[in-house]
Amino acid sequence: MKILVINAGSSSLKYQLFDMKNENVLCSGIVERIGLNGSRLVHKVQGKKYTIESAVKDHKIALKLVLDILTDKEKGVIKSMNEINAVGHRVVHGGETFSGSVLIDEKVMKALEDNIELAPLHNPPNIMGIRAAKELLPDVPHVGTFDTAFHQTLSKKAYLYAIPLRYYTKYKIRRYGFHGTSHFYVSHRTAEILNKPVEEMKIITCHIGNGSSVAAVKYGKSVDTSMGFTPLEGLVMGTRSGDLDPAIVTFLQEKENLSYKEINSILNKESGAFGLSNGLSSDMRDIENAALEDHNDAAKIALDIYDYRIAKYVGAYAAAMNGVDAITFTAGVGENSAYARADVCSYLEFLGLKVDPNKNNIRGKEAIISTDDSKVKVLVVPTNEELVIARDTQKITQNIKNEEEVS
């Protein structure tokens, strides 16, 4: 069975084609700058990379470009589109409607449209990608996997905000959490590596990159997570502020005469490590180099606050679960920065946690980086959200096939 996984952004479309017989990635790539000048397709297959410059005005043309290269005699990996058995789509926001992956029909599409106000930047391009795929591949099942779904197991004490309850009832203002597909994969993979049932473990997963979140996963279920009603809450990120006193928003609006859109842009695009470093960079690799190599004071402050906030959340979630068995780092910074992992863990030694400097000296691969006698295991697990989407798509597609055979 071959499954195409699609992640449609506002001006990009990422893809991977899986052969589910052995879960191999046959090829992957991205169409960049959709609707903009300089659009192109970057296609990777068997260690080779191909770049095709082409005008791409919308997501339908982008996907047509992808399907053409998948079936190309030289650069492709399949003979025809008939070899694609199903399509899995990443969807950012499912609201309270979806607690797992689902077969996409018009009822689901309507629910996605209803959730646009909860994710105005993310859901519209997701919807455009799905509609384009259903038009170009109308004869195969399409499955949606939601970033918010894994966190639907949060209890009211974890997801409600201390504002009048009528706003939850009226507008569904609550903690939704994001990166759920990543937290699901990483927590379950952590249990596999440690050879223990995930249903018996308390795991804290740290998805640390330009966008970052921490999740408390107790016995295989998310019980708390740092992102909230939007992806702005929680950790210090590349350009997002993370937690702050909400009165700061109204104070700045009044003092600087800012509109809602202007203050929203400042908190999402000008803050975080970028803002703390005086605009040096939003990339933590640049921040680390400037802080550790160039001794840049602003970068050092940004780096310290970035790591400190992660450690605070990990400590809080250890308390929320009344213990922790494993802490796992993933995503761009989590997988690649030995410094960040060591710095975060230096705050957590009270848990009986010990990191082995030699084991920690790795980038982008699975490893247990804690010492043998560490009471809490510390791991690095590269995330694989696309594989989760492919697996869910396969499962749902197989269930449909079984139901048709029974009927």
Protein backbone atom coordinates (compact mmCIF):
# COMPACT_ATOMS: atom_id res chain seq x y z
CA MET A 1 0.00 0.00 0.00
CA LYS A 2 1.33 3.45 -0.97
CA ILE A 3 0.19 6.53 0.93
CA LEU A 4 0.85 10.14 0.02
CA VAL A 5 1.14 12.43 3.06
CA ILE A 6 0.47 16.13 2.47
CA ASN A 7 1.11 19.13 4.72
CA ALA A 8 -0.32 22.26 3.09
CA GLY A 9 0.78 25.64 4.42
CA SER A 10 -0.23 29.12 3.33
CA SER A 11 2.52 29.31 0.68
CA SER A 12 3.97 25.80 0.74
CA LEU A 13 3.04 22.17 0.26
CA LYS A 14 5.20 19.45 1.81
CA TYR A 15 4.82 15.80 0.84
CA GLN A 16 6.12 12.30 1.49
CA LEU A 17 5.19 9.08 -0.32
CA PHE A 18 5.27 5.98 1.89
CA ASP A 19 5.38 2.32 0.97
CA MET A 20 3.53 0.92 3.97
CA LYS A 21 4.77 -2.60 3.33
CA ASN A 22 7.95 -1.64 5.18
CA GLU A 23 7.12 2.02 6.04
CA ASN A 24 9.84 3.24 3.71
CA VAL A 25 9.77 6.84 2.45
CA LEU A 26 9.98 6.52 -1.33
CA CYS A 27 10.42 10.26 -1.84
CA SER A 28 9.74 13.60 -0.21
CA GLY A 29 9.75 17.25 -1.07
CA ILE A 30 8.20 20.68 -0.90
CA VAL A 31 6.62 23.20 -3.23
CA GLU A 32 7.71 26.61 -1.99
CA ARG A 33 6.36 30.15 -2.50
CA ILE A 34 2.91 29.17 -3.78
CA GLY A 35 1.23 32.24 -5.22
CA LEU A 36 4.48 34.22 -5.06
CA ASN A 37 7.35 34.99 -7.39
CA GLY A 38 10.18 32.46 -7.40
CA SER A 39 8.02 29.40 -6.68
CA ARG A 40 9.75 26.03 -7.04
CA LEU A 41 9.56 22.34 -6.30
CA VAL A 42 12.35 20.63 -4.35
CA HIS A 43 12.10 16.85 -4.75
CA LYS A 44 14.25 14.29 -2.90
CA VAL A 45 14.54 10.63 -3.88
CA GLN A 46 17.23 8.03 -3.13
CA GLY A 47 19.71 10.60 -1.88
CA LYS A 48 19.28 12.86 -4.91
CA LYS A 49 17.69 16.30 -4.92
CA TYR A 50 15.92 17.87 -7.87
CA THR A 51 14.82 21.51 -8.07
CA ILE A 52 12.23 22.65 -10.58
CA GLU A 53 11.49 26.34 -11.03
CA SER A 54 7.87 26.81 -12.03
CA ALA A 55 5.04 29.32 -11.68
CA VAL A 56 2.65 27.98 -9.00
CA LYS A 57 -0.37 30.20 -8.45
CA ASP A 58 -2.36 27.93 -6.13
CA HIS A 59 -2.37 24.64 -4.20
CA LYS A 60 -4.01 22.69 -7.03
CA ILE A 61 -1.18 23.56 -9.40
CA ALA A 62 1.33 22.77 -6.64
CA LEU A 63 -0.12 19.30 -6.11
CA LYS A 64 -0.31 18.70 -9.87
CA LEU A 65 3.42 19.48 -9.98
CA VAL A 66 4.02 16.95 -7.20
CA LEU A 67 1.97 14.22 -8.90
CA ASP A 68 3.79 14.83 -12.18
CA ILE A 69 7.21 14.34 -10.59
CA LEU A 70 6.05 11.29 -8.63
CA THR A 71 5.25 9.61 -11.97
CA ASP A 72 8.19 11.05 -13.92
CA LYS A 73 10.23 8.35 -15.69
CA GLU A 74 13.57 9.65 -14.38
CA LYS A 75 12.78 11.42 -11.12
CA GLY A 76 9.62 9.59 -10.06
CA VAL A 77 8.99 6.51 -7.93
CA ILE A 78 5.66 5.22 -9.27
CA LYS A 79 4.43 4.46 -12.79
CA SER A 80 1.02 6.09 -12.41
CA MET A 81 -1.21 7.81 -9.87
CA ASN A 82 -3.19 4.58 -9.63
CA GLU A 83 -0.43 3.30 -7.33
CA ILE A 84 -1.41 5.87 -4.70
CA ASN A 85 -3.91 4.05 -2.47
CA ALA A 86 -4.76 6.86 -0.03
CA VAL A 87 -3.83 10.41 0.97
CA GLY A 88 -3.17 11.57 4.54
CA HIS A 89 -3.46 15.25 5.39
CA ARG A 90 -2.01 17.17 8.30
CA VAL A 91 -4.60 19.57 9.74
CA VAL A 92 -3.58 22.01 12.46
CA HIS A 93 -6.85 22.63 14.30
CA GLY A 94 -9.68 20.17 14.87
CA GLY A 95 -11.17 22.03 17.82
CA GLU A 96 -13.21 19.81 20.12
CA THR A 97 -14.70 17.99 17.14
CA PHE A 98 -11.90 15.52 16.48
CA SER A 99 -10.06 13.36 19.01
CA GLY A 100 -8.39 11.22 16.35
CA SER A 101 -7.78 10.89 12.63
CA VAL A 102 -10.87 10.65 10.43
CA LEU A 103 -11.95 9.90 6.89
CA ILE A 104 -12.53 13.26 5.21
CA ASP A 105 -16.03 13.81 3.83
CA GLU A 106 -18.09 16.96 3.35
CA LYS A 107 -19.24 16.85 6.98
CA VAL A 108 -15.60 16.90 8.09
CA MET A 109 -14.82 19.72 5.62
CA LYS A 110 -17.66 21.76 7.14
CA ALA A 111 -16.20 21.19 10.63
CA LEU A 112 -12.77 22.34 9.41
CA GLU A 113 -14.32 25.50 8.01
CA ASP A 114 -16.14 26.09 11.30
CA ASN A 115 -12.78 25.92 13.09
CA ILE A 116 -11.14 28.55 10.87
CA GLU A 117 -11.67 31.25 13.50
CA LEU A 118 -9.62 29.15 15.94
CA ALA A 119 -6.74 28.81 13.46
CA PRO A 120 -7.10 31.56 10.83
CA LEU A 121 -3.51 31.20 9.61
CA HIS A 122 -3.40 27.41 9.40
CA ASN A 123 -6.79 25.86 8.64
CA PRO A 124 -7.51 27.76 5.38
CA PRO A 125 -4.39 26.45 3.59
CA ASN A 126 -5.02 22.99 5.05
CA ILE A 127 -8.51 23.11 3.54
CA MET A 128 -7.17 24.33 0.19
CA GLY A 129 -4.70 21.44 0.14
CA ILE A 130 -7.40 18.89 0.91
CA ARG A 131 -9.77 20.22 -1.75
CA ALA A 132 -6.99 20.22 -4.36
CA ALA A 133 -6.02 16.64 -3.47
CA LYS A 134 -9.61 15.39 -3.54
CA GLU A 135 -10.08 16.96 -6.96
CA LEU A 136 -6.90 15.51 -8.44
CA LEU A 137 -7.17 12.15 -6.63
CA PRO A 138 -10.96 11.66 -6.37
CA ASP A 139 -10.99 7.86 -6.28
CA VAL A 140 -8.90 7.26 -3.15
CA PRO A 141 -9.69 7.80 0.56
CA HIS A 142 -8.47 11.04 2.14
CA VAL A 143 -7.75 11.06 5.89
CA GLY A 144 -7.21 14.03 8.19
CA THR A 145 -4.83 13.93 11.17
CA PHE A 146 -5.11 16.84 13.61
CA ASP A 147 -2.37 18.55 15.63
CA THR A 148 -4.90 19.13 18.41
CA ALA A 149 -6.38 15.62 18.56
CA PHE A 150 -3.84 14.02 20.92
CA HIS A 151 -4.53 16.69 23.54
CA GLN A 152 -8.30 16.07 23.62
CA THR A 153 -7.67 13.83 26.63
CA LEU A 154 -6.90 16.88 28.81
CA SER A 155 -9.24 17.24 31.78
CA LYS A 156 -11.16 20.43 32.51
CA LYS A 157 -8.69 21.40 35.22
CA ALA A 158 -5.99 21.42 32.53
CA TYR A 159 -7.84 22.95 29.60
CA LEU A 160 -10.13 25.60 31.10
CA TYR A 161 -8.92 29.16 31.65
CA ALA A 162 -9.94 31.16 34.72
CA ILE A 163 -12.16 33.54 32.79
CA PRO A 164 -15.98 33.61 32.90
CA LEU A 165 -17.22 30.17 31.91
CA ARG A 166 -19.66 31.70 29.46
CA TYR A 167 -16.75 32.42 27.09
CA TYR A 168 -15.91 28.75 26.91
CA THR A 169 -19.57 27.93 26.34
CA LYS A 170 -20.01 30.66 23.72
CA TYR A 171 -16.63 30.71 21.93
CA LYS A 172 -14.93 27.46 23.00
CA ILE A 173 -12.02 29.40 24.51
CA ARG A 174 -9.88 26.70 26.12
CA ARG A 175 -6.46 25.07 25.93
CA TYR A 176 -6.22 23.00 22.76
CA GLY A 177 -2.50 22.34 22.50
CA PHE A 178 -0.58 21.68 19.29
CA HIS A 179 2.24 19.48 17.97
CA GLY A 180 0.01 16.61 19.08
CA THR A 181 1.09 14.23 16.32
CA SER A 182 4.72 14.77 17.30
CA HIS A 183 4.07 14.33 21.04
CA PHE A 184 2.12 11.14 20.31
CA TYR A 185 4.89 9.64 18.17
CA VAL A 186 7.75 10.64 20.45
CA SER A 187 6.10 9.44 23.67
CA HIS A 188 5.19 6.06 22.18
CA ARG A 189 8.62 5.68 20.60
CA THR A 190 10.22 6.52 23.96
CA ALA A 191 8.35 3.63 25.57
CA GLU A 192 9.44 1.30 22.75
CA ILE A 193 13.09 2.27 23.15
CA LEU A 194 12.91 1.69 26.91
CA ASN A 195 11.06 -1.58 26.30
CA LYS A 196 8.17 -0.62 28.57
CA PRO A 197 4.42 -0.31 27.94
CA VAL A 198 3.53 3.33 27.31
CA GLU A 199 0.40 2.68 29.41
CA GLU A 200 2.66 2.31 32.46
CA MET A 201 4.93 5.32 31.90
CA LYS A 202 4.98 9.00 32.79
CA ILE A 203 6.78 10.79 29.95
CA ILE A 204 7.49 14.46 29.31
CA THR A 205 8.06 15.24 25.64
CA CYS A 206 9.84 18.44 24.64
CA HIS A 207 9.16 19.47 21.03
CA ILE A 208 11.75 22.23 20.83
CA GLY A 209 12.29 24.21 17.65
CA ASN A 210 11.27 27.54 16.18
CA GLY A 211 7.82 26.66 17.47
CA SER A 212 8.02 24.78 20.76
CA SER A 213 5.82 22.94 23.23
CA VAL A 214 6.10 20.52 26.14
CA ALA A 215 3.57 17.80 26.89
CA ALA A 216 2.90 15.65 29.95
CA VAL A 217 2.00 12.17 28.71
CA LYS A 218 0.68 9.96 31.49
CA TYR A 219 0.05 6.31 30.67
CA GLY A 220 -0.06 7.07 26.95
CA LYS A 221 -2.43 10.04 27.14
CA SER A 222 -1.75 13.76 27.09
CA VAL A 223 -2.74 15.31 30.43
CA ASP A 224 -1.24 18.78 29.91
CA THR A 225 0.64 20.78 27.31
CA SER A 226 2.23 24.22 27.13
CA MET A 227 0.55 25.65 24.01
CA GLY A 228 -2.98 26.81 24.65
CA PHE A 229 -5.90 28.41 22.82
CA THR A 230 -3.33 29.31 20.16
CA PRO A 231 0.29 28.29 19.55
CA LEU A 232 1.40 31.56 21.19
CA GLU A 233 1.16 30.36 24.80
CA GLY A 234 3.88 28.51 26.68
CA LEU A 235 7.58 28.42 25.91
CA VAL A 236 9.78 31.15 24.51
CA MET A 237 10.01 30.37 20.79
CA GLY A 238 11.81 31.72 17.75
CA THR A 239 9.55 34.73 17.30
CA ARG A 240 6.66 34.00 19.71
CA SER A 241 6.61 35.44 23.21
CA GLY A 242 5.15 32.45 25.02
CA ASP A 243 3.70 33.13 28.49
CA LEU A 244 3.34 36.72 29.62
CA ASP A 245 1.12 38.81 31.88
CA PRO A 246 -2.01 39.47 29.77
CA ALA A 247 -2.13 43.02 31.08
CA ILE A 248 1.03 43.70 29.05
CA VAL A 249 -1.10 43.44 25.92
CA THR A 250 -3.52 46.22 26.90
CA PHE A 251 -0.68 48.31 28.39
CA LEU A 252 1.27 48.24 25.11
CA GLN A 253 -1.84 48.86 23.04
CA GLU A 254 -2.53 52.01 25.02
CA LYS A 255 1.07 53.27 25.27
CA GLU A 256 1.99 52.53 21.65
CA ASN A 257 -1.48 53.12 20.18
CA LEU A 258 -1.50 49.63 18.68
CA SER A 259 -4.38 47.83 17.03
CA TYR A 260 -5.25 44.20 17.77
CA LYS A 261 -3.52 43.10 14.56
CA GLU A 262 -0.39 45.09 15.40
CA ILE A 263 0.01 43.71 18.94
CA ASN A 264 -0.77 40.21 17.67
CA SER A 265 1.98 40.57 15.07
CA ILE A 266 4.47 41.80 17.67
CA LEU A 267 3.80 38.85 19.99
CA ASN A 268 3.87 36.26 17.19
CA LYS A 269 6.52 37.61 14.82
CA GLU A 270 8.79 40.03 16.72
CA SER A 271 9.13 38.45 20.14
CA GLY A 272 10.66 35.26 21.55
CA ALA A 273 14.37 34.71 21.01
CA PHE A 274 14.28 37.18 18.13
CA GLY A 275 12.97 39.98 20.33
CA LEU A 276 15.16 39.14 23.32
CA SER A 277 18.30 39.13 21.15
CA ASN A 278 17.51 42.59 19.79
CA GLY A 279 16.56 41.18 16.41
CA LEU A 280 19.75 39.15 16.00
CA SER A 281 17.96 36.02 14.80
CA SER A 282 14.98 33.74 15.39
CA ASP A 283 17.14 30.67 14.69
CA MET A 284 18.47 29.14 17.89
CA ARG A 285 21.61 27.98 16.08
CA ASP A 286 22.49 31.64 15.48
CA ILE A 287 21.54 32.52 19.05
CA GLU A 288 23.72 29.74 20.49
CA ASN A 289 26.71 30.69 18.35
CA ALA A 290 26.40 34.37 19.22
CA ALA A 291 26.03 33.62 22.92
CA LEU A 292 28.68 30.92 23.31
CA GLU A 293 31.23 31.88 20.65
CA ASP A 294 30.85 35.65 20.26
CA HIS A 295 29.82 36.33 23.89
CA ASN A 296 26.90 38.46 22.76
CA ASP A 297 25.06 39.55 25.92
CA ALA A 298 21.61 39.83 24.35
CA ALA A 299 21.97 36.41 22.73
CA LYS A 300 23.09 34.91 26.06
CA ILE A 301 20.02 36.33 27.79
CA ALA A 302 17.77 34.96 25.04
CA LEU A 303 19.41 31.54 25.28
CA ASP A 304 19.17 31.45 29.07
CA ILE A 305 15.48 32.39 29.10
CA TYR A 306 14.70 29.92 26.28
CA ASP A 307 16.18 26.98 28.20
CA TYR A 308 14.95 28.16 31.61
CA ARG A 309 11.33 28.26 30.42
CA ILE A 310 11.59 24.68 29.13
CA ALA A 311 12.98 23.49 32.46
CA LYS A 312 10.17 25.24 34.37
CA TYR A 313 7.53 23.46 32.32
CA VAL A 314 9.24 20.09 32.70
CA GLY A 315 9.35 20.59 36.47
CA ALA A 316 5.69 21.59 36.53
CA TYR A 317 4.65 18.55 34.52
CA ALA A 318 6.64 16.23 36.75
CA ALA A 319 4.50 17.62 39.58
CA ALA A 320 1.28 17.36 37.53
CA MET A 321 1.91 13.65 36.94
CA ASN A 322 3.31 13.06 40.45
CA GLY A 323 6.54 11.81 38.95
CA VAL A 324 8.29 11.24 35.65
CA ASP A 325 10.00 8.20 34.16
CA ALA A 326 11.47 9.74 31.01
CA ILE A 327 12.10 13.14 29.43
CA THR A 328 12.48 13.17 25.66
CA PHE A 329 13.76 15.91 23.38
CA THR A 330 12.68 16.24 19.76
CA ALA A 331 12.32 18.71 16.84
CA GLY A 332 15.00 21.03 15.43
CA VAL A 333 16.63 22.23 18.65
CA GLY A 334 15.73 19.21 20.76
CA GLU A 335 17.26 16.78 18.28
CA ASN A 336 20.36 18.77 17.42
CA SER A 337 21.49 20.98 20.30
CA ALA A 338 23.54 19.18 22.93
CA TYR A 339 23.94 22.49 24.76
CA ALA A 340 20.19 23.10 25.06
CA ARG A 341 19.54 19.58 26.33
CA ALA A 342 22.32 19.79 28.91
CA ASP A 343 21.30 23.27 30.02
CA VAL A 344 17.64 22.31 30.48
CA CYS A 345 18.57 19.16 32.37
CA SER A 346 20.93 21.06 34.68
CA TYR A 347 17.82 22.50 36.38
CA LEU A 348 16.32 19.04 36.88
CA GLU A 349 18.98 17.22 38.86
CA PHE A 350 16.67 17.27 41.90
CA LEU A 351 14.69 14.56 40.10
CA GLY A 352 17.70 12.26 40.24
CA LEU A 353 18.41 12.98 36.61
CA LYS A 354 21.94 12.73 35.23
CA VAL A 355 23.02 13.41 31.65
CA ASP A 356 26.10 11.70 30.24
CA PRO A 357 28.08 14.37 28.29
CA ASN A 358 29.48 11.82 25.86
CA LYS A 359 26.09 10.25 25.11
CA ASN A 360 24.61 13.73 24.75
CA ASN A 361 27.13 14.65 22.05
CA ILE A 362 24.83 13.62 19.17
CA ARG A 363 22.70 15.23 16.50
CA GLY A 364 19.51 14.01 14.90
CA LYS A 365 19.43 10.39 15.98
CA GLU A 366 17.75 8.23 18.61
CA ALA A 367 19.69 7.83 21.82
CA ILE A 368 19.42 7.52 25.58
CA ILE A 369 21.64 10.34 26.82
CA SER A 370 21.25 9.86 30.58
CA THR A 371 23.71 7.90 32.69
CA ASP A 372 22.99 4.29 33.55
CA ASP A 373 22.19 5.20 37.17
CA SER A 374 19.93 8.17 36.32
CA LYS A 375 16.56 7.82 38.05
CA VAL A 376 14.88 9.57 35.13
CA LYS A 377 15.81 8.49 31.63
CA VAL A 378 16.61 11.27 29.14
CA LEU A 379 16.29 10.56 25.43
CA VAL A 380 16.58 12.13 22.03
CA VAL A 381 13.99 10.91 19.53
CA PRO A 382 13.68 12.53 16.09
CA THR A 383 10.01 13.18 15.48
CA ASN A 384 8.15 11.59 12.58
CA GLU A 385 4.73 13.17 12.26
CA GLU A 386 4.38 12.03 8.65
CA LEU A 387 4.71 8.39 9.67
CA VAL A 388 1.92 8.80 12.24
CA ILE A 389 -0.30 10.30 9.54
CA ALA A 390 0.57 7.46 7.15
CA ARG A 391 -0.15 4.81 9.80
CA ASP A 392 -3.49 6.37 10.72
CA THR A 393 -4.41 6.68 7.05
CA GLN A 394 -3.57 3.02 6.47
CA LYS A 395 -5.61 1.92 9.49
CA ILE A 396 -8.70 3.92 8.52
CA THR A 397 -8.43 2.85 4.88
CA GLN A 398 -8.15 -0.80 5.90
CA ASN A 399 -11.20 -0.45 8.17
CA ILE A 400 -13.18 0.93 5.22
CA LYS A 401 -12.09 -1.99 3.07
CA ASN A 402 -13.06 -4.50 5.78
CA GLU A 403 -16.50 -2.90 6.21
CA GLU A 404 -17.11 -3.03 2.45
CA GLU A 405 -16.17 -6.71 2.36
CA VAL A 406 -18.54 -7.50 5.24
CA SER A 407 -21.42 -5.62 3.65
